Amino acid sequence: MRNTLLIFFFCFSLPLWSQKPGEIGFISDNDLYTSLIHDRYYTNGIELFYRYLGSSKSENIVKRITDIRAGQYMYNPQSVRAEDIDVHDRPYAGYLFAEMGVNKFYRNEDVFKMTFQAGVLGKESQAEAFQKKLHKIVGYPTVKGWEYQIKTAIGLQAGFFYSHKIFKERFKEKVDFHLQASMDVGTIWNGITVGPMMRISFKKLLLPVYNSALHGASLNHDRNVYKDDREFFLFLNPNLNYQMYDATIQGGPFDDDSPVTFNLIPFRFNAKAGVKYKKNKWNLSFTFCYRGKELSNNVIEGYYYGSVAVGYMLSRLSQSSISSVT
């Protein structure tokens, strides 16, 4: 799995590293970041990302950032030692993908993101091999039950995200509020999520969203900006999710053979709360993520996990590629 991720990542991003101001980093999701007992449902995720700053001809767009990433997601039932198929309260599933997205940051602090993703669900994702190897290395119990995982399906996804700042005049310095909405369409997930988001600064002033690490907009054409750049804030994001389709639970769109599948619960409550810290060229964050009960059986519960992100900003090396941002 690790070699496959690196191949995807470097094939897409390596030719760009010396051309644009960029940021390279990783995101690691795991339920062990929030509990030493639970190892279930969405149990592990890893993403490698590279984003670079482009230019825009629009007066209303401050920044246009392209985001390239590769990753793997892993899903388990409540017990990873479940040899008996009858006690699986969620299917085993793994998803391996590559993604490219375009992020636009507006002068009024609105944000629009559009992503396109290609991947594979099932045995070819290498999630089974990776989890078994990891458990062996750290001395966790032997994983059993992957032979009942969701069958192979091709992932073709599009994602759309929009954030709009509200109460602009009443809160200017330490706190701000936003309304956010996202939509996923494709062969793996179909759903809509809406909810508010609040930032609370631990420093004197919040940075504008188009310069903030909140949605990955720390990049700047002027490398000197990074020398004295500081940001430290808490964010809260409760939301309502309507899930229409999830192949990791229901099987792929042409899959009639997966041994364990369930019907979805359409509406569920999700939430995120975390801190983001930026100093000089480093971006660091930790997020506590809660997901409501997602499918129909008498055993499964809501669950939570932690997400750690680390990013480092790279200055452009090629002066000929310098372009100004409106």
Protein backbone atom coordinates (compact mmCIF):
# COMPACT_ATOMS: atom_id res chain seq x y z
CA MET A 1 0.00 0.00 0.00
CA ARG A 2 2.73 2.45 0.98
CA ASN A 3 4.60 2.00 -2.32
CA THR A 4 1.39 2.46 -4.32
CA LEU A 5 0.61 5.72 -2.51
CA LEU A 6 4.10 7.06 -3.15
CA ILE A 7 3.90 6.20 -6.86
CA PHE A 8 0.56 8.03 -7.22
CA PHE A 9 1.79 10.99 -5.23
CA PHE A 10 5.12 11.56 -6.90
CA CYS A 11 3.84 10.96 -10.43
CA PHE A 12 1.35 13.80 -9.99
CA SER A 13 3.33 16.27 -7.93
CA LEU A 14 7.08 15.89 -8.52
CA PRO A 15 7.22 17.88 -11.80
CA LEU A 16 5.60 20.86 -10.02
CA TRP A 17 7.78 21.15 -6.95
CA SER A 18 10.31 23.58 -8.42
CA GLN A 19 7.72 25.58 -10.35
CA LYS A 20 5.31 27.08 -7.78
CA PRO A 21 5.14 28.03 -4.09
CA GLY A 22 3.81 24.82 -2.57
CA GLU A 23 3.02 22.87 0.57
CA ILE A 24 3.73 19.19 1.13
CA GLY A 25 2.38 17.12 3.99
CA PHE A 26 0.31 14.24 5.29
CA ILE A 27 -2.93 13.57 7.15
CA SER A 28 -3.27 10.58 9.47
CA ASP A 29 -6.68 9.46 10.81
CA ASN A 30 -6.98 6.80 13.49
CA ASP A 31 -9.37 5.94 16.29
CA LEU A 32 -6.39 5.17 18.52
CA TYR A 33 -5.69 8.92 18.64
CA THR A 34 -8.83 9.28 20.76
CA SER A 35 -9.14 5.87 22.44
CA LEU A 36 -6.80 3.00 23.30
CA ILE A 37 -9.75 0.61 23.44
CA HIS A 38 -11.76 1.17 20.24
CA ASP A 39 -10.52 -0.10 16.89
CA ARG A 40 -13.61 -0.04 14.71
CA TYR A 41 -15.63 1.36 11.80
CA TYR A 42 -13.49 4.07 10.11
CA THR A 43 -10.35 2.84 11.81
CA ASN A 44 -7.48 4.26 9.76
CA GLY A 45 -6.80 6.73 6.97
CA ILE A 46 -3.64 8.15 5.44
CA GLU A 47 -3.28 10.91 2.86
CA LEU A 48 -0.20 12.44 1.27
CA PHE A 49 -0.79 15.86 -0.24
CA TYR A 50 0.93 18.53 -2.28
CA ARG A 51 -0.74 21.85 -3.00
CA TYR A 52 0.60 24.75 -5.00
CA LEU A 53 -0.35 28.37 -5.50
CA GLY A 54 -1.43 29.49 -8.95
CA SER A 55 -2.68 32.79 -10.31
CA SER A 56 -6.09 34.24 -10.97
CA LYS A 57 -7.35 36.88 -13.38
CA SER A 58 -10.45 37.60 -11.33
CA GLU A 59 -10.47 40.63 -9.04
CA ASN A 60 -12.70 38.77 -6.59
CA ILE A 61 -10.40 35.75 -6.19
CA VAL A 62 -7.38 36.31 -3.94
CA LYS A 63 -5.89 32.84 -4.32
CA ARG A 64 -6.28 29.80 -6.55
CA ILE A 65 -4.65 26.70 -5.09
CA THR A 66 -4.39 23.28 -6.75
CA ASP A 67 -4.38 20.29 -4.40
CA ILE A 68 -2.99 16.86 -5.33
CA ARG A 69 -3.18 13.89 -3.01
CA ALA A 70 -3.14 10.11 -2.68
CA GLY A 71 -4.57 8.09 0.17
CA GLN A 72 -6.07 4.97 1.65
CA TYR A 73 -9.11 4.56 3.92
CA MET A 74 -9.80 1.46 6.02
CA TYR A 75 -13.07 0.27 7.58
CA ASN A 76 -13.70 -2.54 10.09
CA PRO A 77 -16.57 -4.05 12.07
CA GLN A 78 -16.59 -3.51 15.83
CA SER A 79 -14.20 -6.42 16.36
CA VAL A 80 -11.18 -7.14 14.16
CA ARG A 81 -11.16 -10.73 15.47
CA ALA A 82 -14.58 -11.60 14.09
CA GLU A 83 -14.20 -14.90 12.25
CA ASP A 84 -17.97 -15.42 12.37
CA ILE A 85 -19.66 -13.43 9.59
CA ASP A 86 -22.84 -13.17 11.67
CA VAL A 87 -21.20 -10.80 14.18
CA HIS A 88 -19.98 -8.27 11.59
CA ASP A 89 -21.89 -5.08 12.38
CA ARG A 90 -20.13 -3.22 9.54
CA PRO A 91 -18.35 -4.60 6.47
CA TYR A 92 -14.60 -4.74 6.17
CA ALA A 93 -13.63 -2.37 3.36
CA GLY A 94 -10.57 -0.59 1.98
CA TYR A 95 -10.32 2.26 -0.52
CA LEU A 96 -7.18 3.46 -2.34
CA PHE A 97 -7.33 6.67 -4.37
CA ALA A 98 -5.62 9.58 -6.13
CA GLU A 99 -7.23 13.03 -6.19
CA MET A 100 -6.85 16.45 -7.76
CA GLY A 101 -8.72 19.56 -6.66
CA VAL A 102 -8.97 23.29 -7.34
CA ASN A 103 -9.58 25.64 -4.41
CA LYS A 104 -10.69 29.26 -4.88
CA PHE A 105 -10.42 31.78 -2.04
CA TYR A 106 -12.48 34.94 -2.49
CA ARG A 107 -11.83 38.45 -1.23
CA ASN A 108 -15.02 38.33 0.87
CA GLU A 109 -13.60 35.18 2.58
CA ASP A 110 -15.89 32.73 0.79
CA VAL A 111 -14.28 29.46 -0.33
CA PHE A 112 -15.16 27.13 -3.21
CA LYS A 113 -13.47 23.76 -3.71
CA MET A 114 -13.92 21.21 -6.48
CA THR A 115 -12.22 17.79 -6.44
CA PHE A 116 -12.02 14.80 -8.76
CA GLN A 117 -10.95 11.38 -7.56
CA ALA A 118 -10.13 7.96 -9.03
CA GLY A 119 -9.57 4.87 -6.93
CA VAL A 120 -10.35 1.25 -6.18
CA LEU A 121 -12.49 -0.29 -3.45
CA GLY A 122 -11.87 -3.86 -2.33
CA LYS A 123 -8.95 -6.25 -2.06
CA GLU A 124 -6.88 -4.26 -4.56
CA SER A 125 -6.77 -1.36 -2.09
CA GLN A 126 -4.28 -3.40 -0.02
CA ALA A 127 -6.05 -2.39 3.20
CA GLU A 128 -6.13 -5.98 4.46
CA ALA A 129 -2.39 -6.50 4.00
CA PHE A 130 -1.56 -3.15 5.56
CA GLN A 131 -3.69 -3.67 8.67
CA LYS A 132 -2.43 -7.20 9.27
CA LYS A 133 1.17 -6.06 8.94
CA LEU A 134 0.60 -3.09 11.24
CA HIS A 135 -1.04 -5.22 13.93
CA LYS A 136 1.85 -7.67 13.77
CA ILE A 137 4.46 -4.90 14.15
CA VAL A 138 2.81 -3.22 17.15
CA GLY A 139 1.69 -6.46 18.81
CA TYR A 140 -2.06 -6.01 18.43
CA PRO A 141 -4.41 -9.04 18.10
CA THR A 142 -4.37 -10.93 14.81
CA VAL A 143 -6.92 -9.50 12.37
CA LYS A 144 -9.61 -11.96 11.25
CA GLY A 145 -12.58 -11.56 8.92
CA TRP A 146 -11.14 -9.69 5.89
CA GLU A 147 -12.26 -12.56 3.64
CA TYR A 148 -15.75 -11.05 3.98
CA GLN A 149 -14.73 -7.58 2.79
CA ILE A 150 -16.62 -5.53 0.19
CA LYS A 151 -15.82 -6.75 -3.32
CA THR A 152 -13.83 -4.79 -5.90
CA ALA A 153 -15.36 -1.61 -7.34
CA ILE A 154 -13.87 1.25 -9.32
CA GLY A 155 -14.05 4.65 -7.62
CA LEU A 156 -14.87 7.74 -9.69
CA GLN A 157 -15.80 10.69 -7.48
CA ALA A 158 -16.47 14.41 -7.71
CA GLY A 159 -16.69 16.64 -4.66
CA PHE A 160 -17.91 20.22 -4.17
CA PHE A 161 -17.47 22.43 -1.10
CA TYR A 162 -18.62 25.98 -0.38
CA SER A 163 -18.06 28.15 2.71
CA HIS A 164 -19.68 31.55 3.30
CA LYS A 165 -18.70 33.94 6.07
CA ILE A 166 -21.58 35.37 8.14
CA PHE A 167 -21.89 38.10 10.84
CA LYS A 168 -19.03 39.96 9.15
CA GLU A 169 -19.52 43.26 10.91
CA ARG A 170 -20.25 42.02 14.42
CA PHE A 171 -17.22 39.75 14.88
CA LYS A 172 -13.94 40.91 13.34
CA GLU A 173 -11.03 39.94 15.56
CA LYS A 174 -11.16 36.91 17.85
CA VAL A 175 -14.17 34.96 16.54
CA ASP A 176 -15.79 34.39 13.17
CA PHE A 177 -18.65 32.28 11.81
CA HIS A 178 -19.23 30.51 8.52
CA LEU A 179 -21.90 28.37 6.88
CA GLN A 180 -20.52 25.37 4.99
CA ALA A 181 -21.98 22.87 2.54
CA SER A 182 -20.42 19.97 0.64
CA MET A 183 -21.63 17.38 -1.85
CA ASP A 184 -20.07 14.08 -2.96
CA VAL A 185 -21.15 12.37 -6.18
CA GLY A 186 -19.75 9.15 -7.62
CA THR A 187 -19.49 5.37 -7.48
CA ILE A 188 -18.30 5.19 -3.84
CA TRP A 189 -20.13 7.97 -1.96
CA ASN A 190 -23.17 10.13 -2.64
CA GLY A 191 -24.20 12.59 0.02
CA ILE A 192 -24.70 16.17 1.19
CA THR A 193 -23.39 17.81 4.38
CA VAL A 194 -24.36 21.23 5.77
CA GLY A 195 -23.52 23.06 8.99
CA PRO A 196 -21.94 26.07 10.71
CA MET A 197 -18.27 26.53 11.49
CA MET A 198 -16.71 28.81 14.09
CA ARG A 199 -13.08 29.90 14.62
CA ILE A 200 -11.84 31.18 17.98
CA SER A 201 -8.37 32.72 17.96
CA PHE A 202 -5.83 32.15 20.73
CA LYS A 203 -3.86 35.08 19.33
CA LYS A 204 -4.87 38.74 18.92
CA LEU A 205 -6.40 38.52 15.44
CA LEU A 206 -7.77 35.85 13.17
CA LEU A 207 -6.16 35.79 9.74
CA PRO A 208 -8.51 36.22 6.77
CA VAL A 209 -9.69 32.85 5.46
CA TYR A 210 -7.73 33.40 2.23
CA ASN A 211 -4.48 33.50 4.28
CA SER A 212 -5.46 30.94 6.92
CA ALA A 213 -4.62 27.28 7.42
CA LEU A 214 -8.33 26.63 7.99
CA HIS A 215 -8.91 25.45 4.41
CA GLY A 216 -5.29 25.20 3.30
CA ALA A 217 -4.67 28.78 2.15
CA SER A 218 -1.39 29.54 3.93
CA LEU A 219 0.63 29.68 0.70
CA ASN A 220 2.00 33.01 -0.51
CA HIS A 221 4.09 34.13 -3.48
CA ASP A 222 6.23 36.24 -1.15
CA ARG A 223 8.44 33.83 0.80
CA ASN A 224 9.28 36.55 3.35
CA VAL A 225 5.70 36.38 4.63
CA TYR A 226 6.44 33.00 6.24
CA LYS A 227 9.17 34.39 8.52
CA ASP A 228 6.80 36.10 10.93
CA ASP A 229 3.63 34.19 10.13
CA ARG A 230 1.70 32.99 13.18
CA GLU A 231 -1.76 31.45 13.60
CA PHE A 232 -3.34 29.49 16.44
CA PHE A 233 -7.07 28.88 16.71
CA LEU A 234 -9.81 26.52 17.80
CA PHE A 235 -12.51 25.52 15.34
CA LEU A 236 -15.92 23.92 15.87
CA ASN A 237 -18.00 22.38 13.06
CA PRO A 238 -21.25 20.53 13.88
CA ASN A 239 -23.13 19.41 10.78
CA LEU A 240 -25.97 17.34 9.39
CA ASN A 241 -25.12 14.66 6.83
CA TYR A 242 -27.57 13.13 4.37
CA GLN A 243 -26.01 9.96 2.95
CA MET A 244 -27.64 8.55 -0.15
CA TYR A 245 -25.08 5.88 -0.99
CA ASP A 246 -21.92 4.41 0.57
CA ALA A 247 -20.20 1.58 -1.31
CA THR A 248 -18.06 0.70 1.74
CA ILE A 249 -21.31 -0.33 3.46
CA GLN A 250 -23.67 -1.29 0.62
CA GLY A 251 -21.19 -2.66 -1.91
CA GLY A 252 -20.28 -1.18 -5.28
CA PRO A 253 -22.92 -0.12 -7.84
CA PHE A 254 -22.53 -3.39 -9.76
CA ASP A 255 -21.76 -5.58 -6.74
CA ASP A 256 -24.18 -8.39 -5.90
CA ASP A 257 -21.57 -10.66 -4.29
CA SER A 258 -20.29 -8.90 -1.16
CA PRO A 259 -21.10 -11.22 1.77
CA VAL A 260 -21.78 -8.43 4.30
CA THR A 261 -23.79 -5.32 3.40
CA PHE A 262 -26.27 -3.07 5.22
CA ASN A 263 -28.82 -0.36 4.47
CA LEU A 264 -27.89 3.20 5.35
CA ILE A 265 -29.48 5.50 7.90
CA PRO A 266 -30.08 8.55 5.65
CA PHE A 267 -29.65 11.38 8.16
CA ARG A 268 -26.97 11.54 10.81
CA PHE A 269 -25.24 14.11 13.00
CA ASN A 270 -21.49 14.59 12.59
CA ALA A 271 -19.10 17.03 14.25
CA LYS A 272 -15.51 18.19 14.22
CA ALA A 273 -13.57 20.16 16.82
CA GLY A 274 -9.87 20.87 16.75
CA VAL A 275 -6.93 23.22 16.82
CA LYS A 276 -4.72 24.51 14.02
CA TYR A 277 -1.31 26.04 14.55
CA LYS A 278 0.90 27.75 11.98
CA LYS A 279 4.40 29.08 12.56
CA ASN A 280 6.77 30.15 9.80
CA LYS A 281 6.54 27.38 7.17
CA TRP A 282 4.87 24.74 9.36
CA ASN A 283 1.16 23.90 9.56
CA LEU A 284 0.05 21.57 12.37
CA SER A 285 -3.42 20.46 13.42
CA PHE A 286 -5.35 17.96 15.50
CA THR A 287 -9.06 17.29 14.97
CA PHE A 288 -11.51 15.26 17.04
CA CYS A 289 -14.12 13.79 14.68
CA TYR A 290 -17.49 12.34 15.67
CA ARG A 291 -19.66 10.36 13.24
CA GLY A 292 -23.25 9.42 14.03
CA LYS A 293 -24.71 5.96 13.56
CA GLU A 294 -24.46 5.30 9.83
CA LEU A 295 -26.25 2.02 9.07
CA SER A 296 -29.14 -0.15 10.20
CA ASN A 297 -28.48 -2.90 12.71
CA ASN A 298 -28.94 -3.35 16.47
CA VAL A 299 -25.25 -3.31 17.35
CA ILE A 300 -23.48 -0.45 15.60
CA GLU A 301 -23.05 2.88 17.39
CA GLY A 302 -21.80 6.35 16.66
CA TYR A 303 -18.02 6.53 16.74
CA TYR A 304 -15.11 8.95 16.90
CA TYR A 305 -11.50 9.20 15.79
CA GLY A 306 -8.62 11.66 15.70
CA SER A 307 -6.99 13.32 12.71
CA VAL A 308 -3.41 14.64 12.73
CA ALA A 309 -2.13 16.84 9.88
CA VAL A 310 1.37 18.16 9.23
CA GLY A 311 2.30 20.48 6.36
CA TYR A 312 5.49 22.26 5.31
CA MET A 313 5.55 25.14 2.83
CA LEU A 314 8.11 25.10 0.02
CA SER A 315 9.41 28.26 -1.61
CA ARG A 316 9.55 28.25 -5.39
CA LEU A 317 13.00 27.65 -6.86
CA SER A 318 12.36 28.88 -10.38
CA GLN A 319 12.17 32.68 -10.61
CA SER A 320 10.86 32.44 -14.17
CA SER A 321 7.63 30.95 -12.83
CA ILE A 322 6.78 33.95 -10.63
CA SER A 323 3.32 35.27 -11.30
CA SER A 324 1.30 37.76 -9.29
CA VAL A 325 -1.98 37.00 -7.60
CA THR A 326 -4.70 39.59 -8.07
